[in-house]
Amino acid sequence: MWKIFVAFIAFAAAALFIIFKAGDKVDMQGEAGGHDAGELHAAPASTAATPVVVPVVAPTPASASK
């Protein structure tokens, strides 16, 4: 248990050291790479979804197969 605590303290110290060294240059916005959110989800009008028709075959009675 003490090893987990020591590892946590070491990781926290390293993270704080990096954050304090970077100063105000740290960007915490995640995936803010200048992408427009609408670009990924917008589809052209020509690719509208068309319904797919699947024929259903009714099963034959067991007596008809003899």
C-alpha atoms as a PDB file:
ATOM      1  CA  MET A   1       0.000   0.000   0.000  1.00  0.00           C
ATOM      2  CA  TRP A   2       2.803   2.390   0.795  1.00  0.00           C
ATOM      3  CA  LYS A   3       4.253   1.816  -2.685  1.00  0.00           C
ATOM      4  CA  ILE A   4       1.048   3.098  -4.274  1.00  0.00           C
ATOM      5  CA  PHE A   5       1.195   6.186  -2.078  1.00  0.00           C
ATOM      6  CA  VAL A   6       4.839   6.863  -2.984  1.00  0.00           C
ATOM      7  CA  ALA A   7       4.085   6.392  -6.696  1.00  0.00           C
ATOM      8  CA  PHE A   8       1.154   8.812  -6.450  1.00  0.00           C
ATOM      9  CA  ILE A   9       3.309  11.424  -4.735  1.00  0.00           C
ATOM     10  CA  ALA A  10       6.048  11.003  -7.361  1.00  0.00           C
ATOM     11  CA  PHE A  11       3.551  11.313 -10.230  1.00  0.00           C
ATOM     12  CA  ALA A  12       1.891  14.360  -8.657  1.00  0.00           C
ATOM     13  CA  ALA A  13       5.270  16.021  -8.100  1.00  0.00           C
ATOM     14  CA  ALA A  14       6.288  15.401 -11.716  1.00  0.00           C
ATOM     15  CA  ALA A  15       2.964  16.738 -13.008  1.00  0.00           C
ATOM     16  CA  LEU A  16       3.194  19.872 -10.865  1.00  0.00           C
ATOM     17  CA  PHE A  17       6.800  20.431 -11.940  1.00  0.00           C
ATOM     18  CA  ILE A  18       5.807  20.277 -15.628  1.00  0.00           C
ATOM     19  CA  ILE A  19       2.797  22.540 -15.116  1.00  0.00           C
ATOM     20  CA  PHE A  20       4.805  25.145 -13.205  1.00  0.00           C
ATOM     21  CA  LYS A  21       7.624  25.063 -15.780  1.00  0.00           C
ATOM     22  CA  ALA A  22       5.184  25.519 -18.685  1.00  0.00           C
ATOM     23  CA  GLY A  23       3.481  28.446 -16.998  1.00  0.00           C
ATOM     24  CA  ASP A  24       0.652  29.923 -19.022  1.00  0.00           C
ATOM     25  CA  LYS A  25       1.552  27.961 -22.180  1.00  0.00           C
ATOM     26  CA  VAL A  26      -0.478  24.907 -21.119  1.00  0.00           C
ATOM     27  CA  ASP A  27      -3.598  24.391 -23.237  1.00  0.00           C
ATOM     28  CA  MET A  28      -6.229  22.408 -21.324  1.00  0.00           C
ATOM     29  CA  GLN A  29      -8.949  22.555 -23.989  1.00  0.00           C
ATOM     30  CA  GLY A  30      -8.494  19.016 -25.248  1.00  0.00           C
ATOM     31  CA  GLU A  31      -8.929  18.521 -28.974  1.00  0.00           C
ATOM     32  CA  ALA A  32      -8.965  22.188 -29.935  1.00  0.00           C
ATOM     33  CA  GLY A  33      -6.946  21.755 -33.104  1.00  0.00           C
ATOM     34  CA  GLY A  34      -8.823  24.433 -35.003  1.00  0.00           C
ATOM     35  CA  HIS A  35     -11.322  22.000 -36.468  1.00  0.00           C
ATOM     36  CA  ASP A  36     -14.873  23.020 -37.097  1.00  0.00           C
ATOM     37  CA  ALA A  37     -17.238  20.621 -35.324  1.00  0.00           C
ATOM     38  CA  GLY A  38     -19.684  20.827 -38.225  1.00  0.00           C
ATOM     39  CA  GLU A  39     -17.157  19.499 -40.737  1.00  0.00           C
ATOM     40  CA  LEU A  40     -17.096  16.015 -39.297  1.00  0.00           C
ATOM     41  CA  HIS A  41     -20.841  15.490 -39.068  1.00  0.00           C
ATOM     42  CA  ALA A  42     -22.118  17.310 -42.146  1.00  0.00           C
ATOM     43  CA  ALA A  43     -23.030  15.022 -45.024  1.00  0.00           C
ATOM     44  CA  PRO A  44     -23.696  16.166 -48.582  1.00  0.00           C
ATOM     45  CA  ALA A  45     -27.359  16.273 -49.603  1.00  0.00           C
ATOM     46  CA  SER A  46     -26.791  13.708 -52.367  1.00  0.00           C
ATOM     47  CA  THR A  47     -26.005  10.959 -49.850  1.00  0.00           C
ATOM     48  CA  ALA A  48     -29.442  10.983 -48.249  1.00  0.00           C
ATOM     49  CA  ALA A  49     -30.423   7.677 -46.697  1.00  0.00           C
ATOM     50  CA  THR A  50     -32.704   5.552 -48.867  1.00  0.00           C
ATOM     51  CA  PRO A  51     -34.890   2.866 -47.364  1.00  0.00           C
ATOM     52  CA  VAL A  52     -33.819  -0.708 -47.982  1.00  0.00           C
ATOM     53  CA  VAL A  53     -36.594  -3.114 -48.889  1.00  0.00           C
ATOM     54  CA  VAL A  54     -36.031  -6.719 -47.824  1.00  0.00           C
ATOM     55  CA  PRO A  55     -38.523  -9.293 -49.108  1.00  0.00           C
ATOM     56  CA  VAL A  56     -39.984 -11.584 -46.487  1.00  0.00           C
ATOM     57  CA  VAL A  57     -40.662 -15.181 -47.521  1.00  0.00           C
ATOM     58  CA  ALA A  58     -43.453 -16.885 -45.620  1.00  0.00           C
ATOM     59  CA  PRO A  59     -42.575 -20.359 -44.331  1.00  0.00           C
ATOM     60  CA  THR A  60     -44.377 -23.270 -45.963  1.00  0.00           C
ATOM     61  CA  PRO A  61     -46.446 -25.631 -43.835  1.00  0.00           C
ATOM     62  CA  ALA A  62     -44.827 -28.946 -42.926  1.00  0.00           C
ATOM     63  CA  SER A  63     -47.556 -30.963 -44.709  1.00  0.00           C
ATOM     64  CA  ALA A  64     -46.908 -29.193 -48.040  1.00  0.00           C
ATOM     65  CA  SER A  65     -43.304 -30.364 -48.184  1.00  0.00           C
ATOM     66  CA  LYS A  66     -44.242 -34.105 -48.285  1.00  0.00           C
END
